[in-house]
Each structure stands twice: as C-alpha cells, then as structure tokens.
Amino acid sequence: MSEFVLKQQNTTTAPQQVPQERIRRLVWKLCAATLILMAIGSATRVMNAGLACPDWPLCYGELVPTKQMNFQVFLEWFHRLDAALIGIGAIALAAISWWYRQFLPRWLPWASTFALFLIVFQGVLGGLTVTELLRFDIVTAHLGTALLFFITLLVIGSTLTPFQGTGTVGHLPWVGLSAAILVYLQSILGALVGSRWALHQCFGGSQLCTVMYSHIIGVVPPTVATLTVVFLSWRTPALHPTLRRLANIAGGLLIIQLLLGVATFRLHLQVEPLTVSHQAVGACLLGSLVVFTVLALRDWASSRGIDSYPESANANPTN
C-alpha cells in the first residue's frame, strides 16, 4: 500500500518538478550571460568601440564583418551576439513558462513575459545608441534596463530555488531591499557619469563636475545600507547560513567596489580593465543583495504562515 502511495506521489509531482527545474537552470544561465553582457558593454564603452559597427542590427551590412574585423569591431559585434543569444533565451523562457503554466506557479509566466519585454526594450535601446550616436540619456537607459533585466532574472531564480528559512530574519528583508534599491540608483548615476564622460570633462575643463561629485557623494547611502545588512546578519541569531554567506559576499564586494572606485578616480579612467571591473563588481554587488532580499523575504513570509513558494495553477488544495 505504501509503495502505491509513493508511486502515486511521484507521478503527480514529477510533471511539476521537471519544467520548474528546467526553467530554474535556464534562468541562472541567463543571469551569468547577462552579467557577461554588461561587462562587455562596459568594455565597449571605455574602449570607444560603441560606434565600431556604424549600422544596426548588422555590422557593416554583414552578420560577421570579417573584412573590417579588429579589436574594437569585435567588441561591439560580440556584444550584439551575446545580446541576441540572451534574447533567444528570454523567448525560450517565456515560451516554456506559458506552455507548462498548469504545472508552474501562477506568477512565473507573467514574470517571464516581463523579462522578455525588458530584453526587447533593451534591444531597441541598443539600436538607438548606434543610430543616435551614443546619446548619453539612451546609453544610461540602456544600462539601467540591462540591470532591471538582471534583477528580474535573479528574482525568478531565487524564488524557484528550494529554500527553507529559520524564521529569524526580523527586519533584514527590508534593509536588504533598501540596500539593493540604493545600489541600483548609484549604478544608474555611475552610468550617467560614464555616458557623459563626466570625469574626463571635469578634470579637463571643470565641466560636469556636479555629475561626477554626485556619484562620489552618492556612494555613502548604499555603503551604509550594505554594511547594515552585513552587521545585522552577524548579529541575528540562528540566521540561515545561505543568508549569512550572501551578506558576507555583499560586504566583500562592497570593499572591492570602493577600492576599484578610488583607483579609477585616481588614475582618471586611464586603465580600462579597472573601469570594466568597477561596473562588473557593482552588478555583482547588486545581484547578491537582490538574492539576499528575495530569500530573506521568503524566510519572513514562511515564519508568518504566508506561502512564499506557491503551488502550480492546477494545484488542488483538497488533495
């Protein structure tokens, strides 16, 4: 009798677990690809390769411009290739989510559709950066949308990842959320500094110094918020090891980010790998805070009897 019950449970849970596991793996792969995409985009900007391909979506009218290929053209071409692959992945994510929607949480198809919308909008902004000759507001929006897409994927992946909290998070979810928002806003301000070349113009002719110093002063709020996350995580008893580890990672990334920022400022953006690393580490810091916040919210919700990991659309609560 017990064997029959176990077999019956396995047959009913298997259809839910298979697509959900497939989606979770796809989401984390897209997260890694998006992080690489943002790093390549930063390298494209600092290497003055943003207009290395003068047309869009092709490059010199070809899919692979072999005759014109040099390092700058390769950067811009590879940036577009990575973006196209991520776009295909986002289409697959939305398609799988809607196809298996009866076995998945109700929110997942809509979240996947929102991610697809963001990557399509990102592609439009990418085309406009070329046709509008790197207009600073479009370039800034381009990075801001990429970060939003990255955050959306992280939220989906963190919510689908199995996690059982300890119910001791207290106010940590809200502190983590505040830190993540502040880091995102600081990243946008940093993108504005980069897209307007504010640091060069301030040192060269005392122009746009307000933009540059706003980014420098703006370091304080996200730094304080992130350190608060780390401090409270250390002080919270019986906190889940994953949350404590994520808080420590965020603290370490914050220190690295501050050091990179100082080095970039002192060297007047003359060392391109430092500038690229500065943006990449900033995205990793934002990502660690987002994952921390999602898991902490799930911990907080479960401690209050709120279902933070909802059943699929066809789940029958009477079974």
Foldseek 3Di string as FASTA:
>chain_A
DVVVVVVVVCVVLVLLPVLLVVLLVLLVVLLVLLLVLLLLVLLLLLVVLLCVQLAPPDRVPHLDPPVSDDDSSCSNSVSSVSLVVSLVSLVVSLVSCVVSQQSAAVCRNVLSVVLNVLSVVLVVLSRCCNVVVLDLVSQLVNVLSSLVSSLSSLLSNLLSDDDAWDLQCPCLLVLLVQLLVLLSVLLSLVSSCSSVVQLCCCVPPNPNVVSVVCSVVSLPVSLVSLVVSQVVLVVTPPGPPVLNVLSVLLNVLSVVLVVLVVVCSVVSVPDSVSSSVNSSSSSVSSSSSSSSSSNSVCSNCVSVVHPSNDGRPNDDVVD
